[in-house]
Amino acid sequence: MNKSEVDNWRVGMQNRMEELTVLNAKHNQDIMYVKESLDELKDLIKEQNGRVRELEGNMSGVKAIGAMLSAVFSGLFGYLFTKG
């Protein structure tokens, strides 16, 4: 390789390094955006899970009350029909 070929190669490598630096900066920005979006989604999911947990607790309370009422009424009707 002569001097002009070496100089051309160096210039080409410098240009490629600059392109890679720009691409790396863009990728870092994209990664930060994705990370911020994931953090927001995690917070929203935690909030929804809290709501779901509260609703499930309320549903189990309603089921327990329904089960107690059905036991009381079935016992009462059983007593009344066997008594009469």
N, C-alpha and C. Protein backbone atom coordinates (compact mmCIF):
# COMPACT_ATOMS: atom_id res chain seq x y z
N MET A 1 0.85 -1.18 0.00
CA MET A 1 0.00 0.00 0.00
C MET A 1 0.89 1.24 0.00
N ASN A 2 0.52 2.17 -0.82
CA ASN A 2 1.29 3.41 -0.83
C ASN A 2 0.63 4.44 0.07
N LYS A 3 1.23 5.59 0.19
CA LYS A 3 0.77 6.61 1.14
C LYS A 3 -0.66 7.08 0.83
N SER A 4 -1.00 7.25 -0.42
CA SER A 4 -2.35 7.74 -0.75
C SER A 4 -3.41 6.69 -0.40
N GLU A 5 -3.10 5.43 -0.59
CA GLU A 5 -4.06 4.37 -0.22
C GLU A 5 -4.24 4.31 1.30
N VAL A 6 -3.15 4.46 2.02
CA VAL A 6 -3.22 4.45 3.48
C VAL A 6 -4.02 5.65 3.97
N ASP A 7 -3.80 6.81 3.38
CA ASP A 7 -4.54 8.01 3.77
C ASP A 7 -6.04 7.84 3.48
N ASN A 8 -6.36 7.28 2.31
CA ASN A 8 -7.76 7.03 1.97
C ASN A 8 -8.39 6.04 2.95
N TRP A 9 -7.64 5.03 3.31
CA TRP A 9 -8.14 4.04 4.26
C TRP A 9 -8.40 4.68 5.62
N ARG A 10 -7.47 5.53 6.06
CA ARG A 10 -7.63 6.22 7.35
C ARG A 10 -8.85 7.15 7.33
N VAL A 11 -9.02 7.87 6.25
CA VAL A 11 -10.18 8.77 6.13
C VAL A 11 -11.47 7.95 6.15
N GLY A 12 -11.47 6.84 5.45
CA GLY A 12 -12.65 5.97 5.45
C GLY A 12 -12.95 5.42 6.83
N MET A 13 -11.91 5.03 7.56
CA MET A 13 -12.11 4.51 8.91
C MET A 13 -12.62 5.60 9.86
N GLN A 14 -12.08 6.81 9.70
CA GLN A 14 -12.55 7.92 10.54
C GLN A 14 -14.02 8.22 10.26
N ASN A 15 -14.39 8.20 8.99
CA ASN A 15 -15.80 8.44 8.63
C ASN A 15 -16.69 7.34 9.21
N ARG A 16 -16.22 6.11 9.12
CA ARG A 16 -17.01 4.99 9.67
C ARG A 16 -17.13 5.09 11.18
N MET A 17 -16.05 5.50 11.84
CA MET A 17 -16.09 5.66 13.30
C MET A 17 -17.08 6.77 13.70
N GLU A 18 -17.11 7.85 12.92
CA GLU A 18 -18.06 8.92 13.20
C GLU A 18 -19.50 8.42 13.02
N GLU A 19 -19.73 7.65 11.96
CA GLU A 19 -21.07 7.08 11.74
C GLU A 19 -21.46 6.16 12.88
N LEU A 20 -20.53 5.33 13.31
CA LEU A 20 -20.81 4.41 14.42
C LEU A 20 -21.07 5.17 15.72
N THR A 21 -20.37 6.27 15.93
CA THR A 21 -20.60 7.08 17.13
C THR A 21 -22.00 7.67 17.11
N VAL A 22 -22.41 8.18 15.95
CA VAL A 22 -23.76 8.75 15.82
C VAL A 22 -24.81 7.66 16.04
N LEU A 23 -24.59 6.49 15.43
CA LEU A 23 -25.54 5.39 15.60
C LEU A 23 -25.61 4.94 17.05
N ASN A 24 -24.46 4.90 17.72
CA ASN A 24 -24.44 4.50 19.12
C ASN A 24 -25.23 5.48 19.97
N ALA A 25 -25.09 6.77 19.69
CA ALA A 25 -25.84 7.78 20.44
C ALA A 25 -27.35 7.62 20.21
N LYS A 26 -27.74 7.33 18.97
CA LYS A 26 -29.16 7.13 18.67
C LYS A 26 -29.69 5.89 19.38
N HIS A 27 -28.89 4.83 19.39
CA HIS A 27 -29.32 3.61 20.07
C HIS A 27 -29.47 3.85 21.57
N ASN A 28 -28.55 4.60 22.15
CA ASN A 28 -28.64 4.90 23.58
C ASN A 28 -29.90 5.69 23.89
N GLN A 29 -30.25 6.64 23.03
CA GLN A 29 -31.48 7.41 23.22
C GLN A 29 -32.70 6.50 23.12
N ASP A 30 -32.69 5.60 22.15
CA ASP A 30 -33.81 4.67 22.00
C ASP A 30 -33.93 3.76 23.21
N ILE A 31 -32.79 3.28 23.71
CA ILE A 31 -32.81 2.41 24.88
C ILE A 31 -33.36 3.15 26.09
N MET A 32 -32.97 4.40 26.27
CA MET A 32 -33.47 5.18 27.40
C MET A 32 -34.97 5.40 27.27
N TYR A 33 -35.46 5.64 26.05
CA TYR A 33 -36.90 5.83 25.84
C TYR A 33 -37.66 4.55 26.18
N VAL A 34 -37.13 3.41 25.75
CA VAL A 34 -37.78 2.13 26.04
C VAL A 34 -37.78 1.88 27.54
N LYS A 35 -36.69 2.19 28.22
CA LYS A 35 -36.61 2.00 29.66
C LYS A 35 -37.62 2.86 30.39
N GLU A 36 -37.74 4.13 29.99
CA GLU A 36 -38.72 5.02 30.61
C GLU A 36 -40.14 4.52 30.36
N SER A 37 -40.41 4.04 29.16
CA SER A 37 -41.74 3.51 28.85
C SER A 37 -42.05 2.28 29.69
N LEU A 38 -41.07 1.40 29.86
CA LEU A 38 -41.27 0.21 30.68
C LEU A 38 -41.51 0.58 32.14
N ASP A 39 -40.81 1.58 32.63
CA ASP A 39 -41.02 2.01 34.01
C ASP A 39 -42.44 2.54 34.20
N GLU A 40 -42.93 3.30 33.22
CA GLU A 40 -44.30 3.80 33.29
C GLU A 40 -45.30 2.64 33.26
N LEU A 41 -45.05 1.66 32.40
CA LEU A 41 -45.95 0.51 32.32
C LEU A 41 -45.95 -0.30 33.61
N LYS A 42 -44.78 -0.45 34.23
CA LYS A 42 -44.71 -1.16 35.50
C LYS A 42 -45.54 -0.46 36.57
N ASP A 43 -45.46 0.87 36.60
CA ASP A 43 -46.25 1.62 37.58
C ASP A 43 -47.75 1.45 37.33
N LEU A 44 -48.15 1.49 36.06
CA LEU A 44 -49.56 1.32 35.73
C LEU A 44 -50.05 -0.08 36.09
N ILE A 45 -49.22 -1.09 35.86
CA ILE A 45 -49.61 -2.46 36.19
C ILE A 45 -49.73 -2.64 37.69
N LYS A 46 -48.81 -2.04 38.45
CA LYS A 46 -48.91 -2.12 39.91
C LYS A 46 -50.21 -1.47 40.41
N GLU A 47 -50.57 -0.35 39.80
CA GLU A 47 -51.80 0.34 40.17
C GLU A 47 -53.02 -0.52 39.85
N GLN A 48 -53.03 -1.14 38.68
CA GLN A 48 -54.15 -2.00 38.30
C GLN A 48 -54.21 -3.24 39.18
N ASN A 49 -53.07 -3.80 39.52
CA ASN A 49 -53.06 -4.98 40.39
C ASN A 49 -53.65 -4.65 41.75
N GLY A 50 -53.38 -3.45 42.25
CA GLY A 50 -53.97 -3.04 43.51
C GLY A 50 -55.49 -2.95 43.42
N ARG A 51 -55.98 -2.43 42.32
CA ARG A 51 -57.43 -2.34 42.12
C ARG A 51 -58.05 -3.72 42.02
N VAL A 52 -57.41 -4.60 41.26
CA VAL A 52 -57.93 -5.95 41.10
C VAL A 52 -57.95 -6.68 42.43
N ARG A 53 -56.89 -6.51 43.22
CA ARG A 53 -56.81 -7.17 44.52
C ARG A 53 -57.96 -6.69 45.43
N GLU A 54 -58.23 -5.40 45.38
CA GLU A 54 -59.32 -4.85 46.19
C GLU A 54 -60.67 -5.41 45.73
N LEU A 55 -60.89 -5.48 44.43
CA LEU A 55 -62.14 -6.02 43.90
C LEU A 55 -62.30 -7.50 44.22
N GLU A 56 -61.21 -8.25 44.17
CA GLU A 56 -61.28 -9.67 44.51
C GLU A 56 -61.64 -9.85 45.98
N GLY A 57 -61.10 -8.98 46.83
CA GLY A 57 -61.45 -9.03 48.25
C GLY A 57 -62.93 -8.74 48.47
N ASN A 58 -63.44 -7.76 47.76
CA ASN A 58 -64.87 -7.44 47.87
C ASN A 58 -65.73 -8.60 47.37
N MET A 59 -65.32 -9.23 46.28
CA MET A 59 -66.08 -10.36 45.74
C MET A 59 -66.10 -11.53 46.72
N SER A 60 -64.98 -11.80 47.36
CA SER A 60 -64.96 -12.91 48.31
C SER A 60 -65.84 -12.60 49.52
N GLY A 61 -65.92 -11.33 49.92
CA GLY A 61 -66.82 -10.95 51.00
C GLY A 61 -68.28 -11.16 50.61
N VAL A 62 -68.63 -10.79 49.39
CA VAL A 62 -70.00 -10.98 48.92
C VAL A 62 -70.33 -12.46 48.84
N LYS A 63 -69.39 -13.27 48.38
CA LYS A 63 -69.62 -14.71 48.31
C LYS A 63 -69.81 -15.31 49.70
N ALA A 64 -69.04 -14.83 50.66
CA ALA A 64 -69.16 -15.35 52.02
C ALA A 64 -70.52 -14.99 52.61
N ILE A 65 -70.96 -13.77 52.39
CA ILE A 65 -72.28 -13.36 52.88
C ILE A 65 -73.37 -14.18 52.20
N GLY A 66 -73.27 -14.39 50.90
CA GLY A 66 -74.25 -15.21 50.17
C GLY A 66 -74.28 -16.64 50.68
N ALA A 67 -73.10 -17.20 50.96
CA ALA A 67 -73.06 -18.57 51.48
C ALA A 67 -73.71 -18.66 52.85
N MET A 68 -73.46 -17.67 53.70
CA MET A 68 -74.07 -17.67 55.04
C MET A 68 -75.59 -17.53 54.94
N LEU A 69 -76.05 -16.63 54.08
CA LEU A 69 -77.49 -16.45 53.93
C LEU A 69 -78.15 -17.72 53.38
N SER A 70 -77.51 -18.35 52.40
CA SER A 70 -78.11 -19.57 51.86
C SER A 70 -78.13 -20.68 52.91
N ALA A 71 -77.11 -20.76 53.75
CA ALA A 71 -77.11 -21.77 54.81
C ALA A 71 -78.20 -21.49 55.83
N VAL A 72 -78.36 -20.22 56.19
CA VAL A 72 -79.39 -19.86 57.18
C VAL A 72 -80.78 -20.13 56.61
N PHE A 73 -81.04 -19.69 55.38
CA PHE A 73 -82.37 -19.90 54.81
C PHE A 73 -82.66 -21.37 54.55
N SER A 74 -81.67 -22.13 54.08
CA SER A 74 -81.93 -23.55 53.86
C SER A 74 -82.17 -24.26 55.19
N GLY A 75 -81.47 -23.87 56.23
CA GLY A 75 -81.72 -24.45 57.55
C GLY A 75 -83.10 -24.07 58.06
N LEU A 76 -83.49 -22.81 57.85
CA LEU A 76 -84.81 -22.35 58.30
C LEU A 76 -85.92 -23.06 57.54
N PHE A 77 -85.80 -23.16 56.20
CA PHE A 77 -86.82 -23.85 55.42
C PHE A 77 -86.86 -25.34 55.76
N GLY A 78 -85.72 -25.94 55.96
CA GLY A 78 -85.68 -27.35 56.35
C GLY A 78 -86.37 -27.56 57.68
N TYR A 79 -86.15 -26.69 58.60
CA TYR A 79 -86.79 -26.79 59.92
C TYR A 79 -88.30 -26.60 59.80
N LEU A 80 -88.72 -25.61 59.02
CA LEU A 80 -90.15 -25.33 58.88
C LEU A 80 -90.88 -26.47 58.17
N PHE A 81 -90.27 -27.06 57.13
CA PHE A 81 -90.94 -28.13 56.40
C PHE A 81 -90.95 -29.44 57.17
N THR A 82 -89.96 -29.69 57.99
CA THR A 82 -89.96 -30.92 58.78
C THR A 82 -90.84 -30.76 60.02
N LYS A 83 -91.01 -29.56 60.48
CA LYS A 83 -91.82 -29.28 61.66
C LYS A 83 -93.30 -29.34 61.31
N GLY A 84 -93.64 -28.84 60.14
CA GLY A 84 -95.04 -28.70 59.78
C GLY A 84 -95.56 -29.78 58.99
